[in-house]
């Protein structure tokens, strides 16, 4: 008899979880995860760290 009661409880919890939809603040989540803003999306933050190999080859020639 215990198995039927256990299954009913799991079914009830599964239904509650299926219909549960919490309010999510996506802008706070985005800033917490460190996602860059849309302005910096195409900026290469590593571009000035090293010299370009192509420029070195042109100077040697």
PDB file of N, CA and C in Angstrom:
ATOM      1  N   UNK A   1       0.825  -1.197   0.000  1.00  0.00           N
ATOM      2  CA  UNK A   1       0.000   0.000   0.000  1.00  0.00           C
ATOM      3  C   UNK A   1       0.866   1.257   0.000  1.00  0.00           C
ATOM      4  N   UNK A   2       2.046   1.173   0.523  1.00  0.00           N
ATOM      5  CA  UNK A   2       2.909   2.333   0.585  1.00  0.00           C
ATOM      6  C   UNK A   2       3.322   2.857  -0.781  1.00  0.00           C
ATOM      7  N   UNK A   3       3.469   1.964  -1.755  1.00  0.00           N
ATOM      8  CA  UNK A   3       3.917   2.371  -3.095  1.00  0.00           C
ATOM      9  C   UNK A   3       2.895   3.275  -3.777  1.00  0.00           C
ATOM     10  N   UNK A   4       1.615   3.012  -3.623  1.00  0.00           N
ATOM     11  CA  UNK A   4       0.571   3.837  -4.239  1.00  0.00           C
ATOM     12  C   UNK A   4       0.566   5.253  -3.681  1.00  0.00           C
ATOM     13  N   UNK A   5       0.723   5.358  -2.395  1.00  0.00           N
ATOM     14  CA  UNK A   5       0.758   6.667  -1.744  1.00  0.00           C
ATOM     15  C   UNK A   5       2.006   7.447  -2.179  1.00  0.00           C
ATOM     16  N   UNK A   6       3.128   6.747  -2.280  1.00  0.00           N
ATOM     17  CA  UNK A   6       4.380   7.375  -2.703  1.00  0.00           C
ATOM     18  C   UNK A   6       4.276   7.868  -4.155  1.00  0.00           C
ATOM     19  N   UNK A   7       3.692   7.043  -5.006  1.00  0.00           N
ATOM     20  CA  UNK A   7       3.538   7.426  -6.410  1.00  0.00           C
ATOM     21  C   UNK A   7       2.607   8.634  -6.544  1.00  0.00           C
ATOM     22  N   UNK A   8       1.547   8.664  -5.766  1.00  0.00           N
ATOM     23  CA  UNK A   8       0.610   9.786  -5.807  1.00  0.00           C
ATOM     24  C   UNK A   8       1.296  11.076  -5.369  1.00  0.00           C
ATOM     25  N   UNK A   9       2.150  10.974  -4.362  1.00  0.00           N
ATOM     26  CA  UNK A   9       2.870  12.152  -3.884  1.00  0.00           C
ATOM     27  C   UNK A   9       3.834  12.666  -4.963  1.00  0.00           C
ATOM     28  N   UNK A  10       4.564  11.746  -5.613  1.00  0.00           N
ATOM     29  CA  UNK A  10       5.481  12.154  -6.683  1.00  0.00           C
ATOM     30  C   UNK A  10       4.733  12.775  -7.859  1.00  0.00           C
ATOM     31  N   UNK A  11       3.565  12.228  -8.180  1.00  0.00           N
ATOM     32  CA  UNK A  11       2.754  12.780  -9.267  1.00  0.00           C
ATOM     33  C   UNK A  11       2.290  14.190  -8.922  1.00  0.00           C
ATOM     34  N   UNK A  12       1.877  14.391  -7.680  1.00  0.00           N
ATOM     35  CA  UNK A  12       1.429  15.716  -7.229  1.00  0.00           C
ATOM     36  C   UNK A  12       2.575  16.731  -7.317  1.00  0.00           C
ATOM     37  N   UNK A  13       3.757  16.341  -6.858  1.00  0.00           N
ATOM     38  CA  UNK A  13       4.914  17.240  -6.907  1.00  0.00           C
ATOM     39  C   UNK A  13       5.300  17.551  -8.346  1.00  0.00           C
ATOM     40  N   UNK A  14       5.245  16.535  -9.224  1.00  0.00           N
ATOM     41  CA  UNK A  14       5.579  16.744 -10.632  1.00  0.00           C
ATOM     42  C   UNK A  14       4.621  17.732 -11.286  1.00  0.00           C
ATOM     43  N   UNK A  15       3.340  17.640 -10.963  1.00  0.00           N
ATOM     44  CA  UNK A  15       2.363  18.592 -11.519  1.00  0.00           C
ATOM     45  C   UNK A  15       2.640  20.018 -11.033  1.00  0.00           C
ATOM     46  N   UNK A  16       2.973  20.143  -9.740  1.00  0.00           N
ATOM     47  CA  UNK A  16       3.267  21.475  -9.191  1.00  0.00           C
ATOM     48  C   UNK A  16       4.498  22.085  -9.855  1.00  0.00           C
ATOM     49  N   UNK A  17       5.522  21.270 -10.058  1.00  0.00           N
ATOM     50  CA  UNK A  17       6.740  21.779 -10.698  1.00  0.00           C
ATOM     51  C   UNK A  17       6.499  22.144 -12.160  1.00  0.00           C
ATOM     52  N   UNK A  18       5.639  21.393 -12.827  1.00  0.00           N
ATOM     53  CA  UNK A  18       5.348  21.658 -14.234  1.00  0.00           C
ATOM     54  C   UNK A  18       4.660  23.010 -14.415  1.00  0.00           C
ATOM     55  N   UNK A  19       3.779  23.358 -13.496  1.00  0.00           N
ATOM     56  CA  UNK A  19       3.029  24.608 -13.628  1.00  0.00           C
ATOM     57  C   UNK A  19       3.721  25.790 -12.941  1.00  0.00           C
ATOM     58  N   UNK A  20       4.830  25.534 -12.254  1.00  0.00           N
ATOM     59  CA  UNK A  20       5.535  26.587 -11.524  1.00  0.00           C
ATOM     60  C   UNK A  20       6.364  27.430 -12.484  1.00  0.00           C
ATOM     61  N   UNK A  21       6.157  28.741 -12.467  1.00  0.00           N
ATOM     62  CA  UNK A  21       6.956  29.633 -13.305  1.00  0.00           C
ATOM     63  C   UNK A  21       7.337  30.869 -12.487  1.00  0.00           C
ATOM     64  N   UNK A  22       8.557  30.894 -11.954  1.00  0.00           N
ATOM     65  CA  UNK A  22       8.974  32.020 -11.119  1.00  0.00           C
ATOM     66  C   UNK A  22       9.248  33.270 -11.961  1.00  0.00           C
ATOM     67  N   UNK A  23       9.172  34.424 -11.319  1.00  0.00           N
ATOM     68  CA  UNK A  23       9.517  35.671 -11.977  1.00  0.00           C
ATOM     69  C   UNK A  23      11.043  35.781 -12.027  1.00  0.00           C
ATOM     70  N   UNK A  24      11.566  36.032 -13.218  1.00  0.00           N
ATOM     71  CA  UNK A  24      13.020  36.103 -13.387  1.00  0.00           C
ATOM     72  C   UNK A  24      13.392  37.502 -13.859  1.00  0.00           C
ATOM     73  N   UNK A  25      14.353  38.093 -13.183  1.00  0.00           N
ATOM     74  CA  UNK A  25      14.871  39.394 -13.587  1.00  0.00           C
ATOM     75  C   UNK A  25      16.072  39.135 -14.502  1.00  0.00           C
ATOM     76  N   UNK A  26      15.831  39.145 -15.822  1.00  0.00           N
ATOM     77  CA  UNK A  26      16.863  38.781 -16.776  1.00  0.00           C
ATOM     78  C   UNK A  26      17.992  39.799 -16.848  1.00  0.00           C
ATOM     79  N   UNK A  27      17.698  41.061 -16.625  1.00  0.00           N
ATOM     80  CA  UNK A  27      18.769  42.064 -16.673  1.00  0.00           C
ATOM     81  C   UNK A  27      19.729  41.887 -15.492  1.00  0.00           C
ATOM     82  N   UNK A  28      19.217  41.550 -14.322  1.00  0.00           N
ATOM     83  CA  UNK A  28      20.089  41.295 -13.177  1.00  0.00           C
ATOM     84  C   UNK A  28      20.908  40.021 -13.395  1.00  0.00           C
ATOM     85  N   UNK A  29      20.291  39.021 -13.975  1.00  0.00           N
ATOM     86  CA  UNK A  29      20.994  37.779 -14.274  1.00  0.00           C
ATOM     87  C   UNK A  29      22.097  38.005 -15.297  1.00  0.00           C
ATOM     88  N   UNK A  30      21.806  38.815 -16.309  1.00  0.00           N
ATOM     89  CA  UNK A  30      22.786  39.128 -17.343  1.00  0.00           C
ATOM     90  C   UNK A  30      23.998  39.855 -16.762  1.00  0.00           C
ATOM     91  N   UNK A  31      23.751  40.813 -15.880  1.00  0.00           N
ATOM     92  CA  UNK A  31      24.867  41.542 -15.286  1.00  0.00           C
ATOM     93  C   UNK A  31      25.650  40.657 -14.308  1.00  0.00           C
ATOM     94  N   UNK A  32      24.972  39.758 -13.632  1.00  0.00           N
ATOM     95  CA  UNK A  32      25.654  38.862 -12.702  1.00  0.00           C
ATOM     96  C   UNK A  32      26.556  37.875 -13.434  1.00  0.00           C
ATOM     97  N   UNK A  33      26.123  37.417 -14.580  1.00  0.00           N
ATOM     98  CA  UNK A  33      26.921  36.473 -15.354  1.00  0.00           C
ATOM     99  C   UNK A  33      28.044  37.150 -16.112  1.00  0.00           C
ATOM    100  N   UNK A  34      28.034  38.475 -16.147  1.00  0.00           N
ATOM    101  CA  UNK A  34      29.110  39.210 -16.784  1.00  0.00           C
ATOM    102  C   UNK A  34      28.994  39.272 -18.286  1.00  0.00           C
ATOM    103  N   UNK A  35      27.801  39.172 -18.809  1.00  0.00           N
ATOM    104  CA  UNK A  35      27.603  39.266 -20.252  1.00  0.00           C
ATOM    105  C   UNK A  35      27.882  40.695 -20.697  1.00  0.00           C
ATOM    106  N   UNK A  36      28.699  40.888 -21.730  1.00  0.00           N
ATOM    107  CA  UNK A  36      29.019  42.252 -22.163  1.00  0.00           C
ATOM    108  C   UNK A  36      27.785  42.969 -22.705  1.00  0.00           C
ATOM    109  N   UNK A  37      27.804  44.270 -22.586  1.00  0.00           N
ATOM    110  CA  UNK A  37      26.687  45.047 -23.123  1.00  0.00           C
ATOM    111  C   UNK A  37      26.744  45.009 -24.643  1.00  0.00           C
ATOM    112  N   UNK A  38      25.666  45.424 -25.281  1.00  0.00           N
ATOM    113  CA  UNK A  38      25.591  45.336 -26.742  1.00  0.00           C
ATOM    114  C   UNK A  38      26.625  46.230 -27.428  1.00  0.00           C
ATOM    115  N   UNK A  39      27.094  47.314 -26.766  1.00  0.00           N
ATOM    116  CA  UNK A  39      28.089  48.196 -27.366  1.00  0.00           C
ATOM    117  C   UNK A  39      29.450  47.520 -27.480  1.00  0.00           C
ATOM    118  N   UNK A  40      29.803  46.708 -26.497  1.00  0.00           N
ATOM    119  CA  UNK A  40      31.114  46.068 -26.469  1.00  0.00           C
ATOM    120  C   UNK A  40      31.120  44.698 -27.131  1.00  0.00           C
ATOM    121  N   UNK A  41      30.035  44.342 -27.779  1.00  0.00           N
ATOM    122  CA  UNK A  41      29.905  42.997 -28.319  1.00  0.00           C
ATOM    123  C   UNK A  41      30.950  42.705 -29.392  1.00  0.00           C
ATOM    124  N   UNK A  42      31.282  43.678 -30.219  1.00  0.00           N
ATOM    125  CA  UNK A  42      32.188  43.444 -31.333  1.00  0.00           C
ATOM    126  C   UNK A  42      33.581  44.022 -31.092  1.00  0.00           C
ATOM    127  N   UNK A  43      33.886  44.415 -29.882  1.00  0.00           N
ATOM    128  CA  UNK A  43      35.194  44.966 -29.565  1.00  0.00           C
ATOM    129  C   UNK A  43      36.101  43.833 -29.098  1.00  0.00           C
ATOM    130  N   UNK A  44      37.298  43.748 -29.679  1.00  0.00           N
ATOM    131  CA  UNK A  44      38.258  42.726 -29.297  1.00  0.00           C
ATOM    132  C   UNK A  44      39.094  43.255 -28.145  1.00  0.00           C
ATOM    133  N   UNK A  45      38.851  42.740 -26.942  1.00  0.00           N
ATOM    134  CA  UNK A  45      39.551  43.264 -25.776  1.00  0.00           C
ATOM    135  C   UNK A  45      41.000  42.797 -25.722  1.00  0.00           C
ATOM    136  N   UNK A  46      41.386  41.825 -26.536  1.00  0.00           N
ATOM    137  CA  UNK A  46      42.759  41.325 -26.551  1.00  0.00           C
ATOM    138  C   UNK A  46      43.558  41.902 -27.726  1.00  0.00           C
ATOM    139  N   UNK A  47      42.981  42.785 -28.514  1.00  0.00           N
ATOM    140  CA  UNK A  47      43.625  43.267 -29.730  1.00  0.00           C
ATOM    141  C   UNK A  47      44.926  44.019 -29.458  1.00  0.00           C
ATOM    142  N   UNK A  48      45.005  44.795 -28.403  1.00  0.00           N
ATOM    143  CA  UNK A  48      46.201  45.602 -28.138  1.00  0.00           C
ATOM    144  C   UNK A  48      47.228  44.867 -27.272  1.00  0.00           C
ATOM    145  N   UNK A  49      46.952  43.655 -26.911  1.00  0.00           N
ATOM    146  CA  UNK A  49      47.839  42.934 -26.020  1.00  0.00           C
ATOM    147  C   UNK A  49      49.110  42.448 -26.734  1.00  0.00           C
ATOM    148  N   UNK A  50      48.988  42.077 -27.993  1.00  0.00           N
ATOM    149  CA  UNK A  50      50.124  41.559 -28.762  1.00  0.00           C
ATOM    150  C   UNK A  50      50.239  42.318 -30.081  1.00  0.00           C
ATOM    151  N   UNK A  51      51.427  42.346 -30.616  1.00  0.00           N
ATOM    152  CA  UNK A  51      51.618  42.968 -31.924  1.00  0.00           C
ATOM    153  C   UNK A  51      51.099  42.025 -33.002  1.00  0.00           C
ATOM    154  N   UNK A  52      50.679  42.604 -34.109  1.00  0.00           N
ATOM    155  CA  UNK A  52      50.202  41.789 -35.210  1.00  0.00           C
ATOM    156  C   UNK A  52      51.381  41.129 -35.912  1.00  0.00           C
ATOM    157  N   UNK A  53      51.244  39.841 -36.249  1.00  0.00           N
ATOM    158  CA  UNK A  53      52.300  39.128 -36.947  1.00  0.00           C
ATOM    159  C   UNK A  53      52.478  39.657 -38.366  1.00  0.00           C
ATOM    160  N   UNK A  54      51.399  40.061 -38.994  1.00  0.00           N
ATOM    161  CA  UNK A  54      51.473  40.562 -40.373  1.00  0.00           C
ATOM    162  C   UNK A  54      52.329  41.823 -40.452  1.00  0.00           C
ATOM    163  N   UNK A  55      52.215  42.703 -39.470  1.00  0.00           N
ATOM    164  CA  UNK A  55      53.002  43.937 -39.479  1.00  0.00           C
ATOM    165  C   UNK A  55      54.481  43.635 -39.312  1.00  0.00           C
ATOM    166  N   UNK A  56      54.832  42.620 -38.519  1.00  0.00           N
ATOM    167  CA  UNK A  56      56.235  42.246 -38.337  1.00  0.00           C
ATOM    168  C   UNK A  56      56.836  41.730 -39.635  1.00  0.00           C
ATOM    169  N   UNK A  57      56.073  40.966 -40.377  1.00  0.00           N
ATOM    170  CA  UNK A  57      56.578  40.425 -41.642  1.00  0.00           C
ATOM    171  C   UNK A  57      56.781  41.532 -42.667  1.00  0.00           C
ATOM    172  N   UNK A  58      55.926  42.529 -42.685  1.00  0.00           N
ATOM    173  CA  UNK A  58      56.055  43.638 -43.641  1.00  0.00           C
ATOM    174  C   UNK A  58      57.281  44.481 -43.313  1.00  0.00           C
ATOM    175  N   UNK A  59      57.582  44.659 -42.032  1.00  0.00           N
ATOM    176  CA  UNK A  59      58.739  45.468 -41.638  1.00  0.00           C
ATOM    177  C   UNK A  59      60.034  44.778 -41.998  1.00  0.00           C
ATOM    178  N   UNK A  60      60.073  43.457 -41.928  1.00  0.00           N
ATOM    179  CA  UNK A  60      61.285  42.710 -42.256  1.00  0.00           C
ATOM    180  C   UNK A  60      61.575  42.687 -43.743  1.00  0.00           C
ATOM    181  N   UNK A  61      60.561  42.774 -44.580  1.00  0.00           N
ATOM    182  CA  UNK A  61      60.734  42.660 -46.040  1.00  0.00           C
ATOM    183  C   UNK A  61      61.287  43.907 -46.663  1.00  0.00           C
TER     184      UNK A  61
END
